[in-house]
């Protein structure tokens, strides 16, 4: 039976991708683990491996094709004795149903052992084929489970491994299942929510600018993802904002002293390195704020996994510094430089830019005094950092003096962190930066 290779989801946010390059051609024999293609996701270009063995019968998607939806067939793998005719008209599937017999997503394919026994023939119920993955049919046969008793959770109701593993060997009465389905279908459906108001269409906008010179820029996967996620964030996350000014004179003096001592090792600490450390320690001091929104619950993290926004051509990455509270300033500095360099080359692995509970966005290096950052879901908060500038300040003794002051804004998800808790977290960040030696204690 031919096996369709599907467009993989190489990151949790990936809905479509670009098939950048094929690493095989039609007629090539491949084994599990062989590289098949290079896929450009919304964040990076990654290699895609085969999870089955066979002969490449047909490449369904050309190199350079953009917008290929996840789980769309991109190639067909043939078993021994099969040929191109089996691709056009599969002998075991009714005409028009070939899509139903596609292979399972890669997680299930990978679960099949290389020397697995032949898959049992697809069962038929009332003259119609029951669609189930090869692995699901084999497990059902081994456990004595009647596939007619299982409702599939895969695409178009296809039965997959998880459906069979969660079923018992004693099959339920198909007639009873049919009766239940009929009862369920007779229930009145809930009214559909009103669609959200959309912006003007592309045609409407271009008509406005008829007769004016412009260049049309095609959106790549990263820009589409940024647009979708930030729209979702601003529409669905109840942001509130906390603002503070931070005096940096003690930190700048301390940083200069450390850099003098570290110069022989080729290490130069940035103000951003201290900000990362200050936030990581603040999350430990205020653990209730070290949290993320998980749909119907809050997850409170033990480690301080801090994401830092890095601008790249056409978008941005937020690589995550994990266990930041445990690392020295020099270790954080080296790791941040490495992550930033690989982010600009789009060479980060998904696990390096996913996760975290808190983010930092620093536009101070671009001369921005202050701004409000958008929370990157599911994070509970993000710190927007402005430039350090000389300002007149009034000391505790009432005397007027000049100090280097940095303005920060903490954007907070009110579902996760309330006002008082957010204020405690920001106060801790301020204390750490204004008393930098405490971060080394």
Protein backbone atom coordinates (compact mmCIF):
# COMPACT_ATOMS: atom_id res chain seq x y z
CA UNK A 1 0.00 0.00 0.00
CA UNK A 2 1.42 3.40 -0.97
CA UNK A 3 2.28 5.82 1.82
CA UNK A 4 1.71 9.53 1.50
CA UNK A 5 4.37 11.70 3.12
CA UNK A 6 2.70 14.72 4.71
CA UNK A 7 3.93 18.25 5.26
CA UNK A 8 5.22 18.08 8.84
CA UNK A 9 4.51 20.50 11.67
CA UNK A 10 8.07 21.35 12.69
CA UNK A 11 7.00 23.83 15.37
CA UNK A 12 3.86 24.28 17.47
CA UNK A 13 2.98 27.53 15.68
CA UNK A 14 3.53 26.18 12.17
CA UNK A 15 0.38 26.01 10.04
CA UNK A 16 2.07 26.10 6.64
CA UNK A 17 5.58 26.15 5.27
CA UNK A 18 7.75 26.43 2.18
CA UNK A 19 9.23 23.32 0.60
CA UNK A 20 12.62 24.90 0.09
CA UNK A 21 14.52 21.95 -1.40
CA UNK A 22 14.09 18.26 -2.13
CA UNK A 23 17.03 16.10 -0.99
CA UNK A 24 15.71 13.02 -2.87
CA UNK A 25 14.33 12.40 -6.36
CA UNK A 26 11.72 10.06 -7.76
CA UNK A 27 13.01 6.49 -7.84
CA UNK A 28 15.35 6.91 -4.86
CA UNK A 29 15.20 4.28 -2.13
CA UNK A 30 14.97 5.72 1.38
CA UNK A 31 15.10 4.30 4.88
CA UNK A 32 13.91 5.63 8.21
CA UNK A 33 16.12 8.57 9.21
CA UNK A 34 17.16 9.54 5.68
CA UNK A 35 16.80 13.23 4.87
CA UNK A 36 13.97 13.97 2.46
CA UNK A 37 13.68 17.73 2.18
CA UNK A 38 14.48 21.13 3.62
CA UNK A 39 11.36 22.83 4.99
CA UNK A 40 11.20 26.56 5.71
CA UNK A 41 8.94 27.14 8.71
CA UNK A 42 7.73 30.42 10.14
CA UNK A 43 11.03 30.66 12.04
CA UNK A 44 13.79 28.60 10.44
CA UNK A 45 14.82 26.23 7.66
CA UNK A 46 14.91 22.65 8.95
CA UNK A 47 15.66 19.22 7.53
CA UNK A 48 12.81 16.70 7.35
CA UNK A 49 13.57 12.99 7.86
CA UNK A 50 11.83 9.91 6.56
CA UNK A 51 10.10 7.72 9.14
CA UNK A 52 9.33 4.84 6.77
CA UNK A 53 11.33 2.91 4.19
CA UNK A 54 10.43 2.53 0.55
CA UNK A 55 10.93 4.02 -2.90
CA UNK A 56 10.07 7.62 -3.71
CA UNK A 57 7.25 7.14 -6.21
CA UNK A 58 6.23 10.75 -6.79
CA UNK A 59 7.12 14.21 -5.54
CA UNK A 60 3.79 16.03 -5.28
CA UNK A 61 5.09 19.51 -4.38
CA UNK A 62 7.73 21.38 -6.36
CA UNK A 63 10.78 22.98 -4.77
CA UNK A 64 10.18 26.56 -3.68
CA UNK A 65 6.43 26.12 -3.23
CA UNK A 66 5.17 28.45 -0.50
CA UNK A 67 2.11 28.14 1.72
CA UNK A 68 2.02 24.33 1.84
CA UNK A 69 -0.44 23.50 4.63
CA UNK A 70 0.61 21.14 7.42
CA UNK A 71 -0.59 17.55 6.77
CA UNK A 72 -0.84 18.18 3.02
CA UNK A 73 0.65 15.26 1.01
CA UNK A 74 4.01 16.29 -0.47
CA UNK A 75 5.28 12.94 -1.76
CA UNK A 76 4.32 9.28 -2.16
CA UNK A 77 6.40 6.36 -0.93
CA UNK A 78 6.04 2.96 -2.63
CA UNK A 79 6.49 -0.45 -1.02
CA UNK A 80 8.09 -3.45 -2.76
CA UNK A 81 6.15 -4.49 -5.83
CA UNK A 82 4.29 -1.19 -6.20
CA UNK A 83 4.59 1.21 -9.09
CA UNK A 84 3.28 4.56 -10.32
CA UNK A 85 -0.09 3.04 -11.25
CA UNK A 86 -0.74 2.38 -7.56
CA UNK A 87 -0.34 6.09 -6.87
CA UNK A 88 -2.92 7.21 -9.42
CA UNK A 89 -5.59 4.64 -8.49
CA UNK A 90 -5.00 2.82 -5.18
CA UNK A 91 -6.49 -0.67 -5.52
CA UNK A 92 -7.78 -0.76 -1.95
CA UNK A 93 -9.54 2.61 -1.92
CA UNK A 94 -12.72 3.72 -3.64
CA UNK A 95 -12.32 6.36 -6.32
CA UNK A 96 -11.98 9.81 -4.81
CA UNK A 97 -10.99 8.48 -1.37
CA UNK A 98 -7.23 8.28 -1.86
CA UNK A 99 -6.73 11.23 0.48
CA UNK A 100 -8.35 9.27 3.29
CA UNK A 101 -5.63 6.64 3.09
CA UNK A 102 -2.76 9.02 3.65
CA UNK A 103 -0.11 8.18 6.20
CA UNK A 104 -0.39 9.35 9.79
CA UNK A 105 1.43 12.45 10.99
CA UNK A 106 5.10 11.85 11.69
CA UNK A 107 4.64 11.15 15.40
CA UNK A 108 2.63 8.04 14.63
CA UNK A 109 4.79 6.93 11.71
CA UNK A 110 7.83 7.09 13.94
CA UNK A 111 6.16 4.72 16.39
CA UNK A 112 6.08 1.87 13.82
CA UNK A 113 8.98 -0.59 14.29
CA UNK A 114 11.19 -1.13 11.21
CA UNK A 115 10.42 -4.86 11.06
CA UNK A 116 6.71 -4.59 11.77
CA UNK A 117 4.45 -7.29 10.44
CA UNK A 118 2.21 -6.67 7.46
CA UNK A 119 -0.75 -4.44 8.20
CA UNK A 120 -4.14 -6.19 8.30
CA UNK A 121 -6.50 -5.33 5.47
CA UNK A 122 -8.75 -2.37 6.01
CA UNK A 123 -12.13 -3.46 7.46
CA UNK A 124 -15.38 -2.73 5.68
CA UNK A 125 -18.63 -1.73 7.39
CA UNK A 126 -21.94 -1.76 5.47
CA UNK A 127 -20.05 -1.81 2.19
CA UNK A 128 -17.96 1.25 3.10
CA UNK A 129 -14.35 1.17 4.09
CA UNK A 130 -13.39 2.15 7.65
CA UNK A 131 -10.46 4.51 7.38
CA UNK A 132 -7.66 3.79 9.84
CA UNK A 133 -3.90 4.17 9.75
CA UNK A 134 -1.84 1.03 9.11
CA UNK A 135 -0.44 1.19 12.64
CA UNK A 136 -3.92 1.56 14.14
CA UNK A 137 -5.21 -1.46 12.19
CA UNK A 138 -2.25 -3.58 13.27
CA UNK A 139 -2.64 -2.68 16.97
CA UNK A 140 -6.38 -3.32 16.76
CA UNK A 141 -5.75 -6.76 15.27
CA UNK A 142 -3.23 -7.61 18.01
CA UNK A 143 -5.62 -6.49 20.78
CA UNK A 144 -8.74 -7.98 19.26
CA UNK A 145 -10.44 -4.61 18.97
CA UNK A 146 -13.25 -4.07 16.49
CA UNK A 147 -12.47 -0.87 14.58
CA UNK A 148 -16.18 -0.39 13.95
CA UNK A 149 -16.57 0.48 17.63
CA UNK A 150 -14.04 3.32 17.53
CA UNK A 151 -14.61 6.94 16.56
CA UNK A 152 -11.54 8.31 14.82
CA UNK A 153 -9.94 11.56 15.91
CA UNK A 154 -7.67 11.94 12.88
CA UNK A 155 -8.28 14.00 9.75
CA UNK A 156 -11.80 13.40 8.37
CA UNK A 157 -12.53 10.96 11.19
CA UNK A 158 -9.61 8.64 10.47
CA UNK A 159 -8.78 6.18 13.25
CA UNK A 160 -5.22 6.67 14.56
CA UNK A 161 -3.03 4.92 17.09
CA UNK A 162 -4.24 7.00 20.06
CA UNK A 163 -7.86 6.04 19.35
CA UNK A 164 -7.03 2.32 19.44
CA UNK A 165 -4.75 2.56 22.48
CA UNK A 166 -7.56 4.23 24.42
CA UNK A 167 -10.09 1.56 23.49
CA UNK A 168 -10.83 -1.72 25.24
CA UNK A 169 -10.69 -5.16 23.65
CA UNK A 170 -14.40 -5.68 24.36
CA UNK A 171 -15.98 -3.80 21.53
CA UNK A 172 -19.14 -1.86 22.06
CA UNK A 173 -22.26 -2.71 20.09
CA UNK A 174 -22.07 -0.92 16.71
CA UNK A 175 -25.83 -0.53 16.70
CA UNK A 176 -25.68 1.20 20.08
CA UNK A 177 -22.95 3.47 18.78
CA UNK A 178 -25.08 4.33 15.77
CA UNK A 179 -28.03 5.07 18.03
CA UNK A 180 -25.86 7.33 20.20
CA UNK A 181 -24.56 9.16 17.16
CA UNK A 182 -28.13 9.69 15.96
CA UNK A 183 -29.13 11.07 19.35
CA UNK A 184 -26.17 13.42 19.39
CA UNK A 185 -26.86 14.62 15.87
CA UNK A 186 -30.49 15.40 16.80
CA UNK A 187 -29.44 17.86 19.48
CA UNK A 188 -29.72 21.49 18.39
CA UNK A 189 -26.33 22.93 17.63
CA UNK A 190 -25.08 25.94 19.55
CA UNK A 191 -25.26 29.19 17.67
CA UNK A 192 -22.01 30.07 15.93
CA UNK A 193 -20.21 33.07 17.38
CA UNK A 194 -20.33 36.20 15.28
CA UNK A 195 -17.17 36.53 13.17
CA UNK A 196 -14.66 39.13 14.27
CA UNK A 197 -14.62 42.26 12.19
CA UNK A 198 -11.86 42.02 9.60
CA UNK A 199 -9.86 44.87 8.15
CA UNK A 200 -10.37 46.06 4.59
CA UNK A 201 -9.56 43.52 1.90
CA UNK A 202 -6.38 43.65 -0.17
CA UNK A 203 -8.41 44.75 -3.20
CA UNK A 204 -10.06 47.53 -1.22
CA UNK A 205 -6.71 48.83 0.02
CA UNK A 206 -5.01 48.71 -3.38
CA UNK A 207 -7.92 50.62 -4.93
CA UNK A 208 -7.26 53.44 -2.44
CA UNK A 209 -3.72 53.78 -3.77
CA UNK A 210 -4.49 53.52 -7.48
CA UNK A 211 -2.33 56.00 -9.35
CA UNK A 212 0.26 56.17 -6.56
CA UNK A 213 3.68 54.52 -6.87
CA UNK A 214 4.30 51.60 -4.53
CA UNK A 215 6.07 48.24 -4.32
CA UNK A 216 4.10 45.20 -3.23
CA UNK A 217 5.97 43.05 -0.68
CA UNK A 218 4.94 39.41 -0.50
CA UNK A 219 4.58 38.10 3.05
CA UNK A 220 6.90 35.27 4.05
CA UNK A 221 6.03 32.66 6.68
CA UNK A 222 7.64 34.61 9.52
CA UNK A 223 5.80 37.85 8.81
CA UNK A 224 2.48 35.99 8.48
CA UNK A 225 3.06 34.30 11.84
CA UNK A 226 4.06 37.57 13.54
CA UNK A 227 0.94 39.27 12.19
CA UNK A 228 -1.34 36.44 13.32
CA UNK A 229 0.18 36.00 16.79
CA UNK A 230 0.33 39.70 17.65
CA UNK A 231 -3.23 40.23 16.44
CA UNK A 232 -4.30 37.33 18.63
CA UNK A 233 -2.29 38.67 21.56
CA UNK A 234 -3.77 42.17 21.48
CA UNK A 235 -7.31 40.89 20.94
CA UNK A 236 -7.31 38.07 23.50
CA UNK A 237 -4.87 39.09 26.26
CA UNK A 238 -6.06 41.68 28.80
CA UNK A 239 -2.88 43.76 28.98
CA UNK A 240 -2.15 46.26 31.69
CA UNK A 241 1.02 48.31 32.07
CA UNK A 242 3.31 49.20 34.97
CA UNK A 243 6.02 51.85 34.52
CA UNK A 244 9.13 52.66 36.53
CA UNK A 245 12.32 54.69 36.18
CA UNK A 246 15.53 52.94 37.20
CA UNK A 247 18.75 54.73 38.19
CA UNK A 248 21.66 53.03 36.46
CA UNK A 249 24.71 54.84 37.87
CA UNK A 250 25.64 52.07 40.33
CA UNK A 251 25.13 49.39 37.68
CA UNK A 252 27.22 51.24 35.07
CA UNK A 253 30.07 51.68 37.53
CA UNK A 254 29.88 48.04 38.60
CA UNK A 255 29.75 46.87 34.96
CA UNK A 256 32.82 48.93 34.09
CA UNK A 257 34.73 47.40 37.00
CA UNK A 258 33.76 43.84 36.01
CA UNK A 259 34.61 44.40 32.35
CA UNK A 260 38.08 45.64 33.30
CA UNK A 261 38.65 42.44 35.25
CA UNK A 262 37.17 40.22 32.52
CA UNK A 263 38.97 41.85 29.59
CA UNK A 264 41.80 39.31 29.71
CA UNK A 265 39.22 36.54 29.10
CA UNK A 266 37.67 38.35 26.16
CA UNK A 267 34.37 38.91 28.02
CA UNK A 268 32.43 42.16 27.84
CA UNK A 269 29.16 42.36 29.74
CA UNK A 270 26.32 44.47 28.37
CA UNK A 271 23.61 46.27 30.32
CA UNK A 272 21.19 43.79 28.76
CA UNK A 273 23.05 40.90 30.44
CA UNK A 274 22.38 42.52 33.82
CA UNK A 275 18.71 43.07 32.90
CA UNK A 276 18.33 39.36 32.03
CA UNK A 277 19.89 38.35 35.35
CA UNK A 278 17.77 40.87 37.28
CA UNK A 279 14.55 39.55 35.75
CA UNK A 280 15.53 35.91 36.33
CA UNK A 281 16.22 36.56 40.02
CA UNK A 282 13.05 38.64 40.37
CA UNK A 283 10.96 35.71 39.09
CA UNK A 284 12.51 33.56 41.83
CA UNK A 285 11.82 36.21 44.48
CA UNK A 286 8.19 36.58 43.31
CA UNK A 287 7.40 32.99 42.23
CA UNK A 288 3.66 33.56 41.74
CA UNK A 289 4.55 35.85 38.82
CA UNK A 290 6.71 33.18 37.15
CA UNK A 291 3.67 31.84 35.31
CA UNK A 292 2.00 31.34 31.95
CA UNK A 293 -1.61 31.19 30.76
CA UNK A 294 -2.60 27.67 29.63
CA UNK A 295 -6.15 28.16 28.34
CA UNK A 296 -8.12 26.90 31.32
CA UNK A 297 -5.38 27.01 33.95
CA UNK A 298 -2.18 28.77 35.02
CA UNK A 299 1.20 27.01 34.96
CA UNK A 300 3.71 28.27 37.53
CA UNK A 301 7.27 27.49 36.53
CA UNK A 302 10.07 26.61 38.92
CA UNK A 303 13.05 27.76 36.79
CA UNK A 304 13.42 31.27 35.38
CA UNK A 305 13.30 30.74 31.61
CA UNK A 306 13.67 34.25 30.17
CA UNK A 307 13.02 35.03 26.50
CA UNK A 308 14.80 37.95 24.85
CA UNK A 309 13.56 39.58 21.64
CA UNK A 310 16.15 39.64 18.84
CA UNK A 311 15.50 41.68 15.71
CA UNK A 312 16.38 40.02 12.40
CA UNK A 313 15.74 40.90 8.77
CA UNK A 314 12.00 40.63 8.18
CA UNK A 315 10.95 39.87 11.75
CA UNK A 316 12.17 38.80 15.17
CA UNK A 317 13.01 35.80 17.31
CA UNK A 318 12.63 35.39 21.08
CA UNK A 319 15.30 32.84 22.06
CA UNK A 320 14.92 31.54 25.59
CA UNK A 321 17.68 31.51 28.21
CA UNK A 322 16.70 28.55 30.37
CA UNK A 323 17.56 28.36 34.09
CA UNK A 324 18.82 31.94 33.84
CA UNK A 325 18.75 32.38 37.62
CA UNK A 326 21.43 29.67 37.97
CA UNK A 327 23.88 31.11 35.42
CA UNK A 328 26.64 33.67 35.94
CA UNK A 329 26.59 36.98 34.12
CA UNK A 330 29.44 35.86 31.86
CA UNK A 331 27.62 32.61 31.02
CA UNK A 332 24.41 34.50 30.23
CA UNK A 333 26.36 36.95 28.07
CA UNK A 334 28.03 34.20 26.03
CA UNK A 335 24.78 32.25 25.60
CA UNK A 336 22.84 35.37 24.57
CA UNK A 337 25.44 36.29 21.94
CA UNK A 338 25.36 32.76 20.51
CA UNK A 339 21.56 32.65 20.39
CA UNK A 340 21.34 36.11 18.81
CA UNK A 341 23.89 35.26 16.11
CA UNK A 342 22.13 32.01 15.19
CA UNK A 343 18.74 33.74 15.30
CA UNK A 344 19.93 36.23 12.67
CA UNK A 345 21.06 33.29 10.52
CA UNK A 346 17.71 31.51 11.19
CA UNK A 347 19.59 28.53 12.59
CA UNK A 348 17.79 28.18 15.92
CA UNK A 349 16.11 24.87 16.76
CA UNK A 350 12.45 25.14 17.91
CA UNK A 351 13.31 24.21 21.49
CA UNK A 352 15.61 27.25 21.63
CA UNK A 353 12.87 29.81 20.97
CA UNK A 354 9.83 28.09 22.52
CA UNK A 355 8.78 28.24 26.14
CA UNK A 356 9.70 30.66 28.87
CA UNK A 357 7.34 32.58 31.14
CA UNK A 358 8.71 36.10 30.74
CA UNK A 359 10.25 38.15 27.95
CA UNK A 360 12.48 41.21 27.55
CA UNK A 361 12.34 43.63 24.63
CA UNK A 362 15.12 46.23 24.66
CA UNK A 363 14.84 49.14 22.23
CA UNK A 364 17.04 51.42 24.32
CA UNK A 365 19.97 50.67 22.00
CA UNK A 366 17.93 52.31 19.22
CA UNK A 367 17.44 55.49 21.23
CA UNK A 368 13.84 54.77 22.30
CA UNK A 369 13.09 56.34 25.68
CA UNK A 370 10.06 54.17 26.51
CA UNK A 371 7.42 52.01 24.85
CA UNK A 372 4.80 49.34 25.56
CA UNK A 373 5.58 45.80 24.37
CA UNK A 374 2.99 43.22 23.31
CA UNK A 375 2.93 40.03 25.39
CA UNK A 376 4.10 36.93 23.54
CA UNK A 377 1.60 34.18 24.50
CA UNK A 378 1.59 32.17 26.65
CA UNK A 379 3.97 34.37 28.66
CA UNK A 380 2.59 36.17 31.68
CA UNK A 381 4.56 39.39 31.16
CA UNK A 382 7.13 41.22 29.05
CA UNK A 383 9.51 44.02 30.07
CA UNK A 384 9.98 46.87 27.58
CA UNK A 385 13.35 48.55 28.16
CA UNK A 386 14.18 52.08 27.03
CA UNK A 387 17.45 53.97 26.78
CA UNK A 388 19.45 55.14 29.76
CA UNK A 389 19.63 58.94 29.59
CA UNK A 390 20.98 61.68 31.81
CA UNK A 391 18.17 63.33 33.78
CA UNK A 392 17.89 65.72 36.73
CA UNK A 393 16.83 63.84 39.86
CA UNK A 394 16.04 64.87 43.42
CA UNK A 395 17.98 62.89 46.03
CA UNK A 396 16.71 61.69 49.40
CA UNK A 397 18.29 64.78 50.95
CA UNK A 398 16.31 67.02 48.63
CA UNK A 399 19.35 68.01 46.62
CA UNK A 400 19.10 68.20 42.83
CA UNK A 401 21.62 66.13 40.89
CA UNK A 402 22.10 64.40 37.53
CA UNK A 403 21.70 60.63 37.14
CA UNK A 404 21.47 58.08 34.32
CA UNK A 405 17.85 56.95 34.28
CA UNK A 406 16.30 54.10 32.30
CA UNK A 407 12.54 53.90 31.79
CA UNK A 408 10.91 50.44 31.72
CA UNK A 409 7.34 49.28 31.17
CA UNK A 410 6.07 45.90 32.35
CA UNK A 411 3.20 44.63 30.16
CA UNK A 412 1.21 42.11 32.20
CA UNK A 413 -1.45 39.50 31.37
CA UNK A 414 -4.17 40.23 33.94
CA UNK A 415 -5.42 36.63 33.70
CA UNK A 416 -2.11 35.45 35.15
CA UNK A 417 -0.81 38.34 37.28
CA UNK A 418 -2.83 40.91 39.20
CA UNK A 419 -1.77 44.52 39.72
CA UNK A 420 -0.20 44.15 43.16
CA UNK A 421 1.72 41.03 42.13
CA UNK A 422 2.98 42.76 38.99
CA UNK A 423 4.10 45.72 41.09
CA UNK A 424 6.05 43.39 43.40
CA UNK A 425 7.77 41.78 40.42
CA UNK A 426 8.73 45.14 38.91
CA UNK A 427 9.95 46.43 42.28
CA UNK A 428 12.22 43.40 42.57
CA UNK A 429 13.64 44.05 39.09
CA UNK A 430 14.30 47.68 40.04
CA UNK A 431 16.02 46.68 43.30
CA UNK A 432 18.26 44.20 41.48
CA UNK A 433 19.37 46.74 38.87
CA UNK A 434 19.87 49.61 41.30
CA UNK A 435 21.86 47.35 43.67
CA UNK A 436 23.74 45.16 41.17
CA UNK A 437 26.14 43.58 43.67
CA UNK A 438 23.14 41.85 45.28
CA UNK A 439 22.75 39.79 42.08
CA UNK A 440 26.08 38.11 42.80
CA UNK A 441 25.29 37.33 46.45
